[in-house]
Protein backbone atom coordinates (compact mmCIF):
# COMPACT_ATOMS: atom_id res chain seq x y z
CA MET A 1 45.44 -18.55 40.53
CA LYS A 2 46.54 -15.90 38.05
CA MET A 3 42.90 -14.94 37.43
CA PHE A 4 42.36 -14.61 41.22
CA ARG A 5 45.40 -12.34 41.61
CA PHE A 6 44.24 -10.18 38.70
CA ALA A 7 40.78 -9.84 40.24
CA VAL A 8 42.27 -8.76 43.58
CA PHE A 9 44.51 -6.22 41.84
CA LEU A 10 41.56 -4.84 39.85
CA ALA A 11 39.41 -4.52 42.97
CA ALA A 12 42.20 -2.62 44.77
CA ALA A 13 42.63 -0.29 41.82
CA VAL A 14 38.92 0.52 41.78
CA LEU A 15 38.67 1.08 45.54
CA THR A 16 41.81 3.19 45.95
CA PRO A 17 40.41 6.56 44.71
CA THR A 18 37.35 6.30 46.98
CA PHE A 19 38.80 5.00 50.23
CA LEU A 20 42.55 5.58 50.26
CA ALA A 21 42.94 9.07 48.84
CA ALA A 22 42.51 11.39 51.83
CA SER A 23 40.82 14.73 51.33
CA GLU A 24 42.38 17.98 52.52
CA PHE A 25 39.99 17.87 55.51
CA ALA A 26 41.12 14.54 56.90
CA GLY A 27 43.20 14.83 60.06
CA THR A 28 43.30 16.42 63.50
CA TRP A 29 42.81 20.16 63.93
CA LYS A 30 43.40 22.41 66.97
CA ARG A 31 41.55 25.70 67.37
CA ASP A 32 43.67 28.83 67.82
CA PRO A 33 41.82 30.88 70.49
CA ALA A 34 43.79 34.02 69.56
CA LYS A 35 42.20 34.04 66.13
CA GLY A 36 38.63 34.08 64.92
CA SER A 37 35.74 36.40 65.69
CA LEU A 38 32.21 36.57 67.08
CA SER A 39 29.65 39.09 65.84
CA PRO A 40 27.81 40.66 67.44
CA ALA A 41 29.53 40.15 70.77
CA PRO A 42 27.12 38.40 73.17
CA THR A 43 25.63 40.34 76.06
CA LEU A 44 24.60 39.24 79.54
CA THR A 45 21.95 41.16 81.47
CA ILE A 46 21.62 40.67 85.22
CA GLU A 47 18.46 41.99 86.88
CA GLN A 48 17.44 42.08 90.53
CA ARG A 49 14.64 39.75 91.64
CA GLY A 50 13.90 39.60 95.35
CA ASN A 51 17.06 38.44 97.10
CA GLY A 52 18.43 36.99 93.88
CA TRP A 53 18.84 37.66 90.17
CA VAL A 54 17.54 36.90 86.73
CA MET A 55 20.33 36.35 84.18
CA LYS A 56 19.52 36.80 80.48
CA TRP A 57 21.82 36.07 77.54
CA SER A 58 21.40 37.67 74.13
CA THR A 59 22.14 34.29 72.53
CA ALA A 60 19.60 32.19 74.47
CA ALA A 61 15.85 32.08 74.81
CA GLU A 62 15.90 30.85 78.41
CA VAL A 63 16.77 32.85 81.52
CA GLN A 64 18.63 31.71 84.64
CA ASP A 65 16.96 32.31 87.98
CA VAL A 66 19.59 32.83 90.66
CA VAL A 67 18.65 32.28 94.30
CA PHE A 68 21.30 32.62 96.99
CA ASP A 69 19.83 30.09 99.39
CA GLY A 70 22.41 27.29 99.21
CA LYS A 71 19.86 24.97 97.56
CA ASP A 72 19.95 23.09 94.27
CA HIS A 73 17.80 24.72 91.54
CA PRO A 74 17.10 23.52 87.96
CA SER A 75 19.10 25.16 85.17
CA PRO A 76 17.53 26.21 81.87
CA PRO A 77 17.51 23.60 79.08
CA ARG A 78 20.55 23.30 76.77
CA GLN A 79 22.99 24.48 79.42
CA VAL A 80 26.08 22.60 80.55
CA PHE A 81 24.52 22.01 83.99
CA GLU A 82 21.19 20.40 84.82
CA SER A 83 21.01 22.20 88.17
CA SER A 84 23.03 24.77 90.11
CA ILE A 85 23.75 26.09 93.60
CA PHE A 86 24.61 29.80 93.77
CA THR A 87 26.55 31.31 96.66
CA ARG A 88 27.17 35.01 97.30
CA VAL A 89 30.75 34.76 98.56
CA GLU A 90 31.01 38.53 98.92
CA GLN A 91 29.49 41.64 97.37
CA SER A 92 31.67 41.41 94.27
CA LYS A 93 32.03 37.61 93.99
CA VAL A 94 29.54 34.83 93.21
CA GLU A 95 30.12 31.08 92.83
CA GLN A 96 27.98 28.62 90.89
CA ILE A 97 28.31 24.89 91.52
CA GLY A 98 26.85 22.90 88.62
CA LYS A 99 25.48 19.37 88.65
CA ARG A 100 24.36 16.68 86.20
CA GLY A 101 22.55 13.61 87.46
CA GLY A 102 23.01 14.89 91.00
CA GLU A 103 26.81 14.89 90.64
CA VAL A 104 28.98 18.02 90.79
CA VAL A 105 30.52 18.48 87.33
CA GLY A 106 31.65 22.11 87.24
CA LYS A 107 32.10 25.48 88.87
CA ASN A 108 31.72 29.07 87.67
CA THR A 109 33.19 32.04 89.53
CA LEU A 110 32.00 35.57 88.72
CA THR A 111 33.99 38.52 90.02
CA ILE A 112 33.48 42.27 89.58
CA SER A 113 36.57 44.48 89.25
CA PRO A 114 37.19 47.13 91.95
CA ASP A 115 36.03 49.92 89.62
CA GLY A 116 32.82 48.02 88.82
CA LYS A 117 33.37 48.16 85.06
CA GLU A 118 34.45 44.58 84.35
CA LEU A 119 33.03 41.14 85.05
CA HIS A 120 35.54 38.29 85.08
CA GLN A 121 34.26 34.72 84.65
CA ILE A 122 36.27 31.56 85.35
CA THR A 123 34.66 28.24 84.44
CA ASN A 124 35.96 24.73 84.89
CA GLY A 125 34.46 21.25 84.84
CA ARG A 126 33.61 18.62 82.29
CA TYR A 127 31.11 18.33 79.47
CA ALA A 128 28.55 15.52 79.24
CA ASN A 129 30.96 13.53 77.03
CA GLY A 130 33.60 13.61 79.79
CA GLN A 131 35.81 16.22 78.11
CA PRO A 132 37.25 18.64 80.72
CA TYR A 133 37.21 22.40 80.19
CA GLN A 134 38.80 25.41 81.87
CA ASN A 135 37.99 28.81 80.40
CA GLU A 136 38.18 32.48 81.28
CA SER A 137 36.06 35.25 79.82
CA TYR A 138 35.79 38.99 80.35
CA TRP A 139 32.71 41.20 80.12
CA THR A 140 32.60 45.00 80.14
CA ARG A 141 29.73 47.03 81.56
CA VAL A 142 27.38 48.67 79.06
CA GLY A 143 26.42 52.11 80.34
CA ALA A 144 26.73 53.43 83.87
CA ARG A 145 26.18 51.49 87.07
CA THR A 146 22.62 51.99 88.30
CA ALA A 147 22.28 49.73 91.37
CA ASP A 148 23.96 49.05 94.69
CA ASP A 149 24.61 45.47 93.60
CA PRO A 150 27.69 45.73 91.35
CA PHE A 151 26.52 42.78 89.19
CA ILE A 152 23.26 44.42 88.14
CA GLY A 153 23.34 45.75 84.56
CA THR A 154 24.21 44.69 81.03
CA TRP A 155 27.61 43.24 80.16
CA LYS A 156 29.22 42.81 76.75
CA ASP A 157 31.56 39.91 76.04
CA ASP A 158 35.15 40.69 74.97
CA PRO A 159 36.11 37.62 72.86
CA THR A 160 39.66 38.90 72.26
CA ARG A 161 40.50 38.28 75.93
CA MET A 162 39.01 34.81 76.22
CA LYS A 163 41.38 32.13 77.50
CA ILE A 164 40.81 28.46 76.69
CA GLY A 165 42.57 26.13 79.15
CA VAL A 166 41.69 22.90 77.31
CA PRO A 167 42.08 23.09 73.51
CA VAL A 168 39.20 22.51 71.14
CA ILE A 169 40.10 19.63 68.82
CA TYR A 170 38.32 18.57 65.61
CA THR A 171 39.01 15.12 64.19
CA ILE A 172 37.84 14.72 60.59
CA SER A 173 37.80 11.47 58.65
CA ASP A 174 36.76 10.69 55.09
CA THR A 175 33.89 8.31 54.44
CA GLU A 176 32.56 7.12 51.11
CA ASN A 177 31.27 10.36 49.52
CA GLY A 178 30.99 11.92 52.97
CA ILE A 179 32.63 13.05 56.18
CA GLN A 180 32.91 12.03 59.82
CA LEU A 181 33.39 14.87 62.29
CA LYS A 182 34.19 14.48 65.99
CA THR A 183 34.91 17.41 68.29
CA SER A 184 36.37 17.51 71.80
CA ILE A 185 33.39 19.60 72.94
CA GLY A 186 30.84 16.95 72.09
CA LEU A 187 29.50 17.45 68.56
CA ALA A 188 29.83 14.37 66.37
CA TYR A 189 28.25 13.17 63.15
CA THR A 190 28.81 11.07 60.05
CA ALA A 191 27.12 12.38 56.91
CA THR A 192 27.09 11.61 53.20
CA PHE A 193 27.12 14.41 50.63
CA ASP A 194 23.69 13.49 49.29
CA GLY A 195 21.42 16.19 50.74
CA LYS A 196 19.83 13.80 53.24
CA PRO A 197 19.64 14.42 57.02
CA TYR A 198 21.88 12.38 59.32
CA PRO A 199 21.80 12.25 63.15
CA THR A 200 24.15 14.31 65.30
CA SER A 201 25.17 13.73 68.90
CA GLY A 202 26.64 15.75 71.72
CA VAL A 203 24.92 19.11 71.18
CA ALA A 204 21.48 20.49 71.88
CA ALA A 205 21.70 23.01 69.03
CA GLY A 206 20.90 20.41 66.39
CA THR A 207 19.63 16.85 66.09
CA THR A 208 20.29 16.31 62.36
CA VAL A 209 22.85 17.50 59.83
CA THR A 210 22.81 17.78 56.04
CA ALA A 211 26.25 17.95 54.41
CA GLU A 212 27.27 19.31 51.00
CA ARG A 213 30.64 19.22 49.23
CA VAL A 214 30.72 22.71 47.73
CA ASP A 215 34.14 22.20 46.10
CA PRO A 216 37.34 20.23 46.92
CA HIS A 217 38.26 22.83 49.56
CA THR A 218 34.83 23.60 51.06
CA ILE A 219 32.13 21.68 52.94
CA ARG A 220 28.84 23.10 54.15
CA ALA A 221 26.85 21.47 56.97
CA VAL A 222 23.34 22.54 58.01
CA LEU A 223 22.25 21.57 61.53
CA LYS A 224 18.56 21.47 62.36
CA ARG A 225 16.58 21.16 65.57
CA LYS A 226 13.99 18.51 66.24
CA ASP A 227 11.25 20.89 65.02
CA GLY A 228 13.01 21.28 61.65
CA SER A 229 14.27 24.82 62.20
CA VAL A 230 17.86 25.62 61.21
CA SER A 231 20.09 26.21 64.22
CA ARG A 232 23.44 26.52 62.47
CA VAL A 233 24.99 26.67 59.01
CA SER A 234 28.64 25.66 59.27
CA THR A 235 31.06 26.19 56.38
CA LEU A 236 34.43 24.45 56.63
CA SER A 237 37.21 25.46 54.26
CA VAL A 238 40.81 24.26 54.01
CA SER A 239 43.88 26.12 52.80
CA GLY A 240 47.11 24.26 53.38
CA ASN A 241 47.41 23.55 57.10
CA THR A 242 44.63 25.95 58.12
CA LEU A 243 40.99 25.01 58.61
CA THR A 244 38.47 27.87 58.82
CA GLU A 245 34.99 27.30 60.22
CA LYS A 246 32.32 29.95 59.63
CA ASN A 247 29.11 29.48 61.60
CA ASP A 248 25.86 31.32 60.96
CA ILE A 249 23.88 30.62 64.15
CA THR A 250 20.21 31.36 64.78
CA ASP A 251 18.86 30.83 68.28
CA GLN A 252 15.26 29.97 69.11
CA ASN A 253 14.47 33.68 69.54
CA GLY A 254 15.58 34.33 65.97
CA VAL A 255 18.74 36.11 67.16
CA GLU A 256 21.54 35.69 64.62
CA LEU A 257 25.21 35.28 65.48
CA LYS A 258 28.23 34.91 63.22
CA ALA A 259 31.29 33.06 64.50
CA VAL A 260 34.62 32.37 62.80
CA SER A 261 37.11 29.85 64.21
CA ILE A 262 40.61 29.11 62.94
CA PHE A 263 42.21 25.68 63.36
CA ASP A 264 45.80 24.50 62.76
CA ARG A 265 46.59 21.03 61.45
CA GLN A 266 48.26 18.79 64.05
């Protein structure tokens, strides 16, 4: 009996450093929308096509065809919606009803300011993982207005005025020589710090992730697409109760974007 108790004590002593000692990353983190940065600021270009539009984003390879006919049309891949119905409510206001699997899951409202210099976007709905969202963004016109339609032109995002109605939450757990990351916006993975690829879920930007423990305060994760190209290099660093995420993003057009997000420990 004494030998058995000693063996149990020894096993606990050996396992404690690996499984019970939480890293600085472990816990729940809430993003502070008032902090962080995005460079360069994304742009949206709206061009006339027949009785509708073509919408092009600087951060996406695909374009959105907009037809104001009250019918359901497919959305580009990797968007929140699988299909959309666009309605021209008035000259300066457009509504987009988004669907997945034939079910309405969200709505976007685009409104032009009276002076024609600002585009205001309100979005609400739920992601594929069921997480609700409610966001506001503001875009300023680049250059002078050149068409009768006030939406036509190029618009630059103003990230400092973005409003996030539903907070972005990261939940991080320690695993044996690795990390488990779950986010409220869908991304989730469990990876070991061994340089090998592990599957991700919830995002179209990457299907595998390779994780590296740079030092006790820093983790680097590389997300790759199915074709092996790098979509995102994410560096997470902890200082006290602050988690900083730096993302180097490359879209399928080769356009590069740098994003910094700040999270507070909950």
